[in-house]
Protein backbone atom coordinates (compact mmCIF):
# COMPACT_ATOMS: atom_id res chain seq x y z
CA UNK A 1 -10.67 -45.61 -23.87
CA UNK A 2 -14.05 -44.14 -24.00
CA UNK A 3 -17.26 -44.80 -21.55
CA UNK A 4 -20.72 -45.43 -22.41
CA UNK A 5 -21.38 -41.59 -21.54
CA UNK A 6 -18.55 -39.87 -23.47
CA UNK A 7 -15.64 -39.56 -20.46
CA UNK A 8 -12.19 -41.29 -21.10
CA UNK A 9 -10.11 -43.04 -18.71
CA UNK A 10 -8.30 -39.98 -18.14
CA UNK A 11 -11.46 -37.87 -17.98
CA UNK A 12 -12.23 -39.92 -14.61
CA UNK A 13 -8.60 -39.91 -13.06
CA UNK A 14 -9.07 -36.19 -13.66
CA UNK A 15 -12.41 -35.99 -11.93
CA UNK A 16 -11.05 -38.43 -8.61
CA UNK A 17 -7.78 -35.81 -8.45
CA UNK A 18 -10.03 -33.23 -8.51
CA UNK A 19 -13.04 -34.86 -6.32
CA UNK A 20 -9.81 -35.51 -3.43
CA UNK A 21 -8.15 -32.14 -3.65
CA UNK A 22 -11.31 -29.89 -3.41
CA UNK A 23 -12.75 -32.10 -0.19
CA UNK A 24 -9.10 -31.88 1.69
CA UNK A 25 -8.70 -27.71 0.37
CA UNK A 26 -12.07 -27.24 1.90
CA UNK A 27 -13.01 -29.76 4.48
CA UNK A 28 -9.14 -31.24 5.59
CA UNK A 29 -7.39 -32.17 7.22
CA UNK A 30 -8.72 -35.72 5.91
CA UNK A 31 -7.93 -39.41 6.46
CA UNK A 32 -7.88 -41.66 3.53
CA UNK A 33 -11.22 -43.42 5.40
CA UNK A 34 -12.47 -39.83 5.66
CA UNK A 35 -12.22 -39.16 1.78
CA UNK A 36 -14.14 -42.46 0.75
CA UNK A 37 -17.64 -40.83 1.69
CA UNK A 38 -17.02 -37.13 1.21
CA UNK A 39 -15.66 -37.94 -2.39
CA UNK A 40 -18.27 -40.89 -2.72
CA UNK A 41 -14.89 -42.81 -4.90
CA UNK A 42 -14.19 -46.49 -3.19
CA UNK A 43 -11.28 -46.48 -1.15
CA UNK A 44 -9.02 -48.44 -3.92
CA UNK A 45 -9.61 -45.28 -5.81
CA UNK A 46 -8.70 -42.92 -2.91
CA UNK A 47 -5.31 -44.69 -2.14
CA UNK A 48 -4.60 -44.55 -5.82
CA UNK A 49 -5.86 -40.74 -5.70
CA UNK A 50 -3.83 -39.93 -2.94
CA UNK A 51 -0.50 -41.89 -4.03
CA UNK A 52 -0.76 -39.93 -7.35
CA UNK A 53 -1.05 -36.54 -5.79
CA UNK A 54 1.60 -37.40 -3.11
CA UNK A 55 4.27 -38.19 -5.84
CA UNK A 56 2.88 -35.04 -7.38
CA UNK A 57 4.20 -33.07 -4.30
CA UNK A 58 0.59 -32.45 -3.91
CA UNK A 59 -0.85 -33.68 -0.78
CA UNK A 60 1.21 -34.04 2.17
CA UNK A 61 0.86 -35.80 5.04
CA UNK A 62 -0.49 -33.24 8.74
CA UNK A 63 -0.36 -35.58 11.41
CA UNK A 64 -2.76 -38.41 12.45
CA UNK A 65 -5.86 -39.32 14.39
CA UNK A 66 -7.09 -42.32 16.58
CA UNK A 67 -9.45 -45.33 15.06
CA UNK A 68 -11.43 -47.14 16.92
CA UNK A 69 -9.69 -50.16 17.70
CA UNK A 70 -7.18 -49.77 15.21
CA UNK A 71 -4.05 -48.25 14.04
CA UNK A 72 -3.90 -44.34 14.08
CA UNK A 73 -5.26 -42.83 10.95
CA UNK A 74 -2.75 -40.96 8.76
CA UNK A 75 -4.29 -37.11 8.11
CA UNK A 76 -3.82 -35.20 4.67
CA UNK A 77 -3.66 -31.78 3.15
CA UNK A 78 -3.26 -30.29 0.38
CA UNK A 79 0.56 -29.08 0.31
CA UNK A 80 0.79 -25.26 0.61
CA UNK A 81 3.78 -24.62 -1.25
CA UNK A 82 3.30 -26.67 -3.80
CA UNK A 83 1.85 -23.88 -6.20
CA UNK A 84 1.18 -20.15 -6.13
CA UNK A 85 -0.63 -17.88 -7.97
CA UNK A 86 -1.12 -14.05 -8.42
CA UNK A 87 -3.97 -11.96 -7.89
CA UNK A 88 -4.57 -8.25 -9.02
CA UNK A 89 -7.12 -5.70 -8.21
CA UNK A 90 -7.28 -3.08 -10.74
CA UNK A 91 -8.90 -0.72 -8.37
CA UNK A 92 -10.04 3.19 -8.65
CA UNK A 93 -6.91 4.25 -6.35
CA UNK A 94 -4.40 1.68 -6.89
CA UNK A 95 -3.21 -1.36 -8.78
CA UNK A 96 -2.85 -3.98 -6.26
CA UNK A 97 -0.80 -7.31 -7.11
CA UNK A 98 -0.51 -10.17 -4.58
CA UNK A 99 1.02 -13.24 -4.40
CA UNK A 100 -0.62 -16.53 -2.18
CA UNK A 101 0.07 -20.05 -1.88
CA UNK A 102 -2.51 -22.73 -2.33
CA UNK A 103 -3.95 -21.62 1.09
CA UNK A 104 -4.37 -18.07 -0.26
CA UNK A 105 -1.91 -17.01 2.44
CA UNK A 106 -0.35 -13.98 1.04
CA UNK A 107 3.44 -14.14 0.24
CA UNK A 108 4.32 -10.65 -1.18
CA UNK A 109 2.11 -7.75 -2.37
CA UNK A 110 3.04 -4.31 -4.48
CA UNK A 111 0.86 -1.37 -4.78
CA UNK A 112 0.96 1.13 -7.25
CA UNK A 113 -1.24 4.44 -6.93
CA UNK A 114 -3.68 5.49 -9.52
CA UNK A 115 -2.73 9.53 -9.87
CA UNK A 116 -2.75 11.64 -13.02
CA UNK A 117 -2.22 8.95 -15.38
CA UNK A 118 -5.53 7.60 -14.21
CA UNK A 119 -6.81 4.61 -16.05
CA UNK A 120 -4.94 4.52 -18.97
CA UNK A 121 -4.27 1.31 -20.31
CA UNK A 122 -0.79 1.47 -20.94
CA UNK A 123 0.18 2.92 -17.30
CA UNK A 124 -2.29 -0.06 -15.92
CA UNK A 125 -0.37 -2.54 -17.99
CA UNK A 126 2.99 -1.66 -17.03
CA UNK A 127 1.62 -1.47 -13.05
CA UNK A 128 0.58 -5.17 -13.78
CA UNK A 129 3.76 -6.30 -14.95
CA UNK A 130 6.09 -4.47 -12.51
CA UNK A 131 3.69 -5.90 -9.98
CA UNK A 132 4.09 -9.60 -10.96
CA UNK A 133 8.18 -9.39 -11.56
CA UNK A 134 8.27 -7.69 -8.10
CA UNK A 135 6.12 -9.68 -6.46
CA UNK A 136 8.18 -13.18 -7.78
CA UNK A 137 11.43 -11.80 -6.94
CA UNK A 138 10.14 -12.59 -3.39
CA UNK A 139 12.37 -15.04 -1.55
CA UNK A 140 11.06 -18.13 -1.85
CA UNK A 141 8.67 -17.49 -4.85
CA UNK A 142 9.18 -19.80 -8.04
CA UNK A 143 8.02 -18.50 -11.38
CA UNK A 144 7.89 -22.30 -11.96
CA UNK A 145 5.14 -23.27 -9.35
CA UNK A 146 3.00 -20.32 -10.71
CA UNK A 147 -0.24 -21.67 -11.76
CA UNK A 148 -1.87 -18.33 -13.25
CA UNK A 149 -2.64 -15.06 -12.71
CA UNK A 150 -6.57 -13.70 -11.58
CA UNK A 151 -7.16 -9.92 -12.51
CA UNK A 152 -10.23 -8.06 -10.96
CA UNK A 153 -11.07 -4.75 -13.25
CA UNK A 154 -13.97 -2.52 -13.77
CA UNK A 155 -16.37 -2.93 -16.21
CA UNK A 156 -17.82 -5.76 -18.49
CA UNK A 157 -15.63 -8.75 -19.46
CA UNK A 158 -16.00 -10.61 -22.94
CA UNK A 159 -13.97 -13.99 -23.56
CA UNK A 160 -13.22 -14.23 -27.12
CA UNK A 161 -11.71 -16.98 -29.09
CA UNK A 162 -8.61 -14.81 -30.70
CA UNK A 163 -7.86 -12.41 -28.34
CA UNK A 164 -8.64 -13.54 -24.94
CA UNK A 165 -10.09 -11.35 -22.32
CA UNK A 166 -11.63 -8.00 -23.80
CA UNK A 167 -12.38 -5.29 -21.17
CA UNK A 168 -15.38 -3.12 -21.83
CA UNK A 169 -15.21 0.05 -19.55
CA UNK A 170 -17.52 2.74 -20.45
CA UNK A 171 -16.65 4.54 -17.06
CA UNK A 172 -13.01 4.57 -17.18
CA UNK A 173 -13.16 4.94 -20.68
CA UNK A 174 -11.31 1.56 -21.77
CA UNK A 175 -13.63 0.91 -25.34
CA UNK A 176 -12.74 -2.97 -25.91
CA UNK A 177 -9.46 -3.52 -24.80
CA UNK A 178 -7.64 -6.64 -25.19
CA UNK A 179 -5.98 -6.40 -22.22
CA UNK A 180 -4.73 -10.42 -22.05
CA UNK A 181 -3.19 -9.87 -25.13
CA UNK A 182 -1.43 -6.51 -23.86
CA UNK A 183 -0.62 -9.00 -20.86
CA UNK A 184 0.97 -11.55 -22.70
CA UNK A 185 2.69 -9.22 -25.02
CA UNK A 186 4.07 -7.42 -21.97
CA UNK A 187 4.99 -9.77 -18.55
CA UNK A 188 7.88 -12.04 -19.03
CA UNK A 189 5.97 -15.42 -17.81
CA UNK A 190 5.96 -18.72 -19.71
CA UNK A 191 3.50 -19.34 -22.63
CA UNK A 192 1.39 -21.56 -20.50
CA UNK A 193 0.58 -19.79 -17.71
CA UNK A 194 -2.78 -18.51 -17.44
CA UNK A 195 -4.58 -15.53 -17.41
CA UNK A 196 -7.92 -14.75 -15.94
CA UNK A 197 -9.46 -11.31 -16.29
CA UNK A 198 -13.08 -10.75 -14.65
CA UNK A 199 -15.00 -8.18 -13.54
CA UNK A 200 -14.11 -6.62 -9.99
CA UNK A 201 -17.15 -7.03 -8.37
CA UNK A 202 -17.51 -10.75 -9.41
CA UNK A 203 -13.95 -11.41 -7.87
CA UNK A 204 -14.91 -9.93 -4.61
CA UNK A 205 -18.08 -11.86 -4.74
CA UNK A 206 -16.11 -15.12 -5.24
CA UNK A 207 -14.26 -14.66 -2.55
CA UNK A 208 -16.40 -13.73 0.15
CA UNK A 209 -18.29 -17.08 -0.89
CA UNK A 210 -15.42 -19.23 -0.77
CA UNK A 211 -14.15 -17.59 2.26
CA UNK A 212 -15.97 -15.00 4.01
CA UNK A 213 -19.60 -13.81 4.98
CA UNK A 214 -21.44 -15.31 2.05
CA UNK A 215 -20.30 -19.24 2.64
CA UNK A 216 -22.85 -21.29 3.26
CA UNK A 217 -25.60 -19.50 1.13
CA UNK A 218 -27.22 -20.78 -1.82
CA UNK A 219 -28.18 -17.16 -3.57
CA UNK A 220 -26.56 -13.85 -2.21
CA UNK A 221 -25.62 -10.73 -3.79
CA UNK A 222 -22.04 -9.03 -2.87
CA UNK A 223 -22.07 -5.22 -3.63
CA UNK A 224 -18.77 -3.62 -4.51
CA UNK A 225 -19.08 0.02 -3.06
CA UNK A 226 -15.69 2.20 -4.03
CA UNK A 227 -15.64 5.16 -6.55
CA UNK A 228 -18.70 3.62 -8.14
CA UNK A 229 -20.81 0.58 -7.00
CA UNK A 230 -21.42 -2.44 -8.68
CA UNK A 231 -22.55 -6.19 -7.67
CA UNK A 232 -22.21 -9.83 -8.13
CA UNK A 233 -25.09 -12.23 -7.97
CA UNK A 234 -25.04 -15.87 -7.07
CA UNK A 235 -28.08 -18.30 -7.08
CA UNK A 236 -28.16 -21.92 -7.58
CA UNK A 237 -28.24 -21.05 -11.44
CA UNK A 238 -25.26 -19.10 -11.40
CA UNK A 239 -23.27 -20.39 -8.24
CA UNK A 240 -20.18 -19.15 -9.82
CA UNK A 241 -21.07 -15.88 -9.69
CA UNK A 242 -22.06 -12.96 -12.37
CA UNK A 243 -20.95 -9.76 -12.70
CA UNK A 244 -24.16 -7.03 -12.89
CA UNK A 245 -23.94 -3.64 -13.67
CA UNK A 246 -26.07 -2.65 -10.46
CA UNK A 247 -24.30 0.79 -10.27
CA UNK A 248 -26.11 2.03 -13.75
CA UNK A 249 -29.49 1.24 -12.58
CA UNK A 250 -31.48 4.37 -13.16
CA UNK A 251 -32.40 5.76 -9.85
CA UNK A 252 -33.37 9.46 -10.85
CA UNK A 253 -35.01 10.72 -14.56
CA UNK A 254 -32.96 13.28 -15.49
CA UNK A 255 -30.85 13.23 -12.27
CA UNK A 256 -26.75 13.64 -11.82
CA UNK A 257 -24.85 12.98 -15.07
CA UNK A 258 -22.78 9.64 -14.47
CA UNK A 259 -19.38 9.04 -15.34
CA UNK A 260 -20.91 6.67 -17.70
CA UNK A 261 -22.18 9.78 -19.70
CA UNK A 262 -26.24 9.10 -18.77
CA UNK A 263 -28.28 10.62 -16.28
CA UNK A 264 -29.40 9.55 -12.70
CA UNK A 265 -28.03 6.47 -12.24
CA UNK A 266 -27.06 4.80 -8.71
CA UNK A 267 -23.50 5.46 -9.33
CA UNK A 268 -24.31 8.94 -9.62
CA UNK A 269 -25.18 9.24 -6.58
CA UNK A 270 -24.02 6.28 -4.32
CA UNK A 271 -20.65 6.02 -5.35
CA UNK A 272 -17.64 7.52 -3.11
CA UNK A 273 -16.77 9.94 -6.33
CA UNK A 274 -20.17 11.41 -6.49
CA UNK A 275 -20.63 11.66 -2.29
CA UNK A 276 -17.98 13.86 -2.29
CA UNK A 277 -18.32 15.75 -5.31
CA UNK A 278 -21.74 16.49 -3.35
CA UNK A 279 -20.15 17.56 -0.30
CA UNK A 280 -17.96 20.07 -2.20
CA UNK A 281 -20.70 21.63 -4.46
CA UNK A 282 -22.98 22.15 -1.44
CA UNK A 283 -20.20 24.16 0.44
CA UNK A 284 -18.49 21.37 2.53
CA UNK A 285 -14.96 21.28 3.92
CA UNK A 286 -12.32 21.56 0.91
CA UNK A 287 -10.89 18.00 -0.02
CA UNK A 288 -8.04 19.30 -2.58
CA UNK A 289 -4.61 17.65 -2.09
CA UNK A 290 -6.42 14.69 -0.64
CA UNK A 291 -6.52 11.17 -2.49
CA UNK A 292 -10.13 9.55 -2.62
CA UNK A 293 -9.80 7.15 0.02
CA UNK A 294 -8.12 10.10 2.32
CA UNK A 295 -11.14 12.37 1.57
CA UNK A 296 -14.24 9.91 2.45
CA UNK A 297 -12.12 9.69 5.56
CA UNK A 298 -11.93 13.32 6.17
CA UNK A 299 -15.80 13.63 5.46
CA UNK A 300 -16.79 10.66 7.55
CA UNK A 301 -14.62 12.51 10.47
CA UNK A 302 -16.24 15.64 9.96
CA UNK A 303 -19.82 14.01 9.94
CA UNK A 304 -19.19 11.75 12.95
CA UNK A 305 -16.61 13.87 15.21
CA UNK A 306 -15.69 13.11 18.54
CA UNK A 307 -18.40 13.68 21.31
CA UNK A 308 -18.63 17.51 22.05
CA UNK A 309 -18.03 18.59 19.00
CA UNK A 310 -20.77 19.83 16.49
CA UNK A 311 -20.65 17.43 13.24
CA UNK A 312 -20.31 19.17 9.45
CA UNK A 313 -24.00 19.33 8.68
CA UNK A 314 -23.55 19.23 5.06
CA UNK A 315 -21.41 16.12 5.56
CA UNK A 316 -23.71 14.77 7.33
CA UNK A 317 -26.62 15.13 5.08
CA UNK A 318 -25.02 13.97 2.04
CA UNK A 319 -24.33 10.76 3.96
CA UNK A 320 -27.49 10.31 5.01
CA UNK A 321 -28.71 10.90 1.49
CA UNK A 322 -26.23 8.61 0.24
CA UNK A 323 -27.92 6.02 2.26
CA UNK A 324 -31.39 6.14 1.08
CA UNK A 325 -29.91 6.09 -2.37
CA UNK A 326 -27.65 3.29 -1.47
CA UNK A 327 -30.56 1.27 0.19
CA UNK A 328 -32.90 1.95 -2.49
CA UNK A 329 -30.81 0.41 -4.68
CA UNK A 330 -30.18 -2.53 -2.66
CA UNK A 331 -34.17 -2.65 -2.08
CA UNK A 332 -33.72 -3.54 -6.13
CA UNK A 333 -31.95 -6.39 -5.78
CA UNK A 334 -33.73 -7.95 -3.07
CA UNK A 335 -36.79 -7.38 -5.36
CA UNK A 336 -35.38 -8.52 -8.39
CA UNK A 337 -33.20 -12.19 -7.11
CA UNK A 338 -34.56 -12.59 -2.97
CA UNK A 339 -31.30 -13.02 -2.08
CA UNK A 340 -30.83 -14.80 1.62
CA UNK A 341 -27.83 -12.24 2.15
CA UNK A 342 -27.02 -9.13 0.42
CA UNK A 343 -22.97 -8.46 1.86
CA UNK A 344 -21.38 -4.92 1.37
CA UNK A 345 -17.69 -4.97 0.39
CA UNK A 346 -15.48 -2.30 -1.42
CA UNK A 347 -12.52 0.12 0.34
CA UNK A 348 -15.98 3.00 0.68
CA UNK A 349 -18.34 0.11 2.16
CA UNK A 350 -15.47 -1.11 4.48
CA UNK A 351 -14.84 2.38 5.18
CA UNK A 352 -18.09 3.41 6.00
CA UNK A 353 -18.74 0.36 8.01
CA UNK A 354 -20.79 -0.38 10.95
CA UNK A 355 -21.44 3.05 11.12
CA UNK A 356 -23.71 3.18 7.53
CA UNK A 357 -25.12 -0.02 7.67
CA UNK A 358 -28.19 0.66 10.10
CA UNK A 359 -29.51 3.57 7.93
CA UNK A 360 -29.06 1.25 4.38
CA UNK A 361 -30.62 -1.43 6.19
CA UNK A 362 -33.55 0.66 7.21
CA UNK A 363 -33.86 2.23 3.50
CA UNK A 364 -33.63 -1.48 2.12
CA UNK A 365 -36.38 -2.85 3.71
CA UNK A 366 -38.89 0.43 3.57
CA UNK A 367 -38.69 0.13 -0.49
CA UNK A 368 -38.68 -3.45 -0.65
CA UNK A 369 -41.49 -5.63 -0.87
CA UNK A 370 -42.48 -6.86 2.54
CA UNK A 371 -42.16 -10.63 1.78
CA UNK A 372 -38.22 -10.96 0.89
CA UNK A 373 -37.24 -7.90 3.09
CA UNK A 374 -37.57 -10.51 5.78
CA UNK A 375 -36.04 -12.69 4.74
CA UNK A 376 -32.78 -11.23 3.85
CA UNK A 377 -29.41 -9.89 5.89
CA UNK A 378 -27.50 -7.15 5.07
CA UNK A 379 -23.96 -7.17 6.26
CA UNK A 380 -20.44 -6.11 5.65
CA UNK A 381 -17.56 -8.67 3.48
CA UNK A 382 -15.39 -10.16 5.96
CA UNK A 383 -12.40 -10.16 3.88
CA UNK A 384 -11.34 -6.66 3.95
CA UNK A 385 -10.02 -4.61 1.42
CA UNK A 386 -7.71 -7.50 -0.34
CA UNK A 387 -10.94 -9.29 -1.45
CA UNK A 388 -10.75 -8.65 -4.99
CA UNK A 389 -7.20 -9.91 -5.09
CA UNK A 390 -8.18 -12.84 -2.99
CA UNK A 391 -10.69 -13.51 -5.43
CA UNK A 392 -8.70 -12.68 -8.14
CA UNK A 393 -6.28 -15.29 -7.42
CA UNK A 394 -9.12 -18.10 -6.70
CA UNK A 395 -9.69 -18.11 -10.27
CA UNK A 396 -6.31 -19.91 -11.38
CA UNK A 397 -6.89 -22.13 -8.13
CA UNK A 398 -10.40 -23.34 -9.05
CA UNK A 399 -8.64 -23.58 -12.73
CA UNK A 400 -5.98 -25.68 -10.74
CA UNK A 401 -8.86 -28.13 -9.39
CA UNK A 402 -10.88 -28.33 -12.22
CA UNK A 403 -7.61 -30.01 -14.36
CA UNK A 404 -7.19 -32.40 -11.49
CA UNK A 405 -3.38 -30.66 -9.67
CA UNK A 406 -2.09 -30.52 -13.75
CA UNK A 407 -0.89 -27.23 -14.88
CA UNK A 408 -2.13 -25.74 -18.02
CA UNK A 409 -0.43 -26.73 -20.99
CA UNK A 410 0.72 -23.83 -23.72
CA UNK A 411 -1.54 -22.88 -26.06
CA UNK A 412 -4.92 -24.98 -24.79
CA UNK A 413 -8.72 -23.80 -25.26
CA UNK A 414 -10.11 -25.68 -22.89
CA UNK A 415 -8.72 -23.28 -19.88
CA UNK A 416 -12.47 -21.28 -19.69
CA UNK A 417 -14.29 -24.00 -19.27
CA UNK A 418 -11.89 -25.72 -16.69
CA UNK A 419 -12.07 -22.52 -14.53
CA UNK A 420 -15.91 -22.66 -14.87
CA UNK A 421 -16.70 -25.99 -13.93
CA UNK A 422 -14.62 -25.72 -10.50
CA UNK A 423 -16.01 -22.65 -9.74
CA UNK A 424 -20.04 -24.36 -10.24
CA UNK A 425 -18.46 -27.59 -8.35
CA UNK A 426 -16.51 -26.30 -5.90
CA UNK A 427 -18.35 -26.80 -2.34
CA UNK A 428 -16.86 -25.04 0.80
CA UNK A 429 -20.12 -24.97 2.36
């Protein structure tokens, strides 16, 4: 049956289930009485939807509260163990695979360092495949409960009809890599398990907006500061977030060569890889044999030694210059998008942390226009080094909500719209 607005009864039921699930997820536990005004549904509709969700094992009782003069009201919540999601971070120093329950509580984790092989496609796919197998072998994990696999990657992700997600990663040597197709071929998961692949800065931004320092903001930019730099823009028009190749804005004409091949990119001055390279080039202490994260730790220790010890002047100068470039790059975001918040995450951003932030804020507001600069706050993200994997796991979770708590069917073509709709309609504020 089709209504006047073109929606079928099935569409209406799915929308009602989605509304109840999302309100319980973000605001629960709630009683049936509270779900009515929270969702805009009638008491009868709430009762029917809740009964269906309880029967499906997706909603469970979570105690009770006293009511005004009546019987206690039963509280409801989303059952955390009724589904699992996998989040994958194809990072700059390692591939991280994590298994989560519906509450995004970590159940298992596997990490594989990226060393001499770098971003070899076969190596990355192998790490993801093995990581998925290992986390699903954890006690209590069940492939049957898996709602999907989310993957955050460097580069531009193109969603195609025939090959799924295709990654254009110029900085890592990936030219139209059909990553979703490769994962479907190599991973031993049932055909109905969906894969959701997107830019790592976007998955970081999604995590911070749902559960971190971005919650409650209508207009924010979340910055991924690692070996390179990227950003995710969230506004009223693009509430689900859009990755922007911020690291490849030109900040110096005929400047240093970026790993993308161009000259003068922000990433060639503000990324951790270039920061360490400049330290070495200018006579800094050698960091041979250390991975990038350990080398940055050593550089910070040299620049900011214990009291009574002379700092390494080269390390200190490079870090101060990096703060200025990063601040100038943030000023572009402030002038272009006028966000109310800018959040800095990523492993390098977290390492530099509060010590680096005052200088970055100072330069950002100096280079930006006064009006938008006075209205923006610049802070660190709150979710730590797992933010990209958490954000990647949100993608199948949002798709599941968009389906009204129904699992994906094999070979469906509406997976992406359901995911987009759920991300746009979510309201954890």
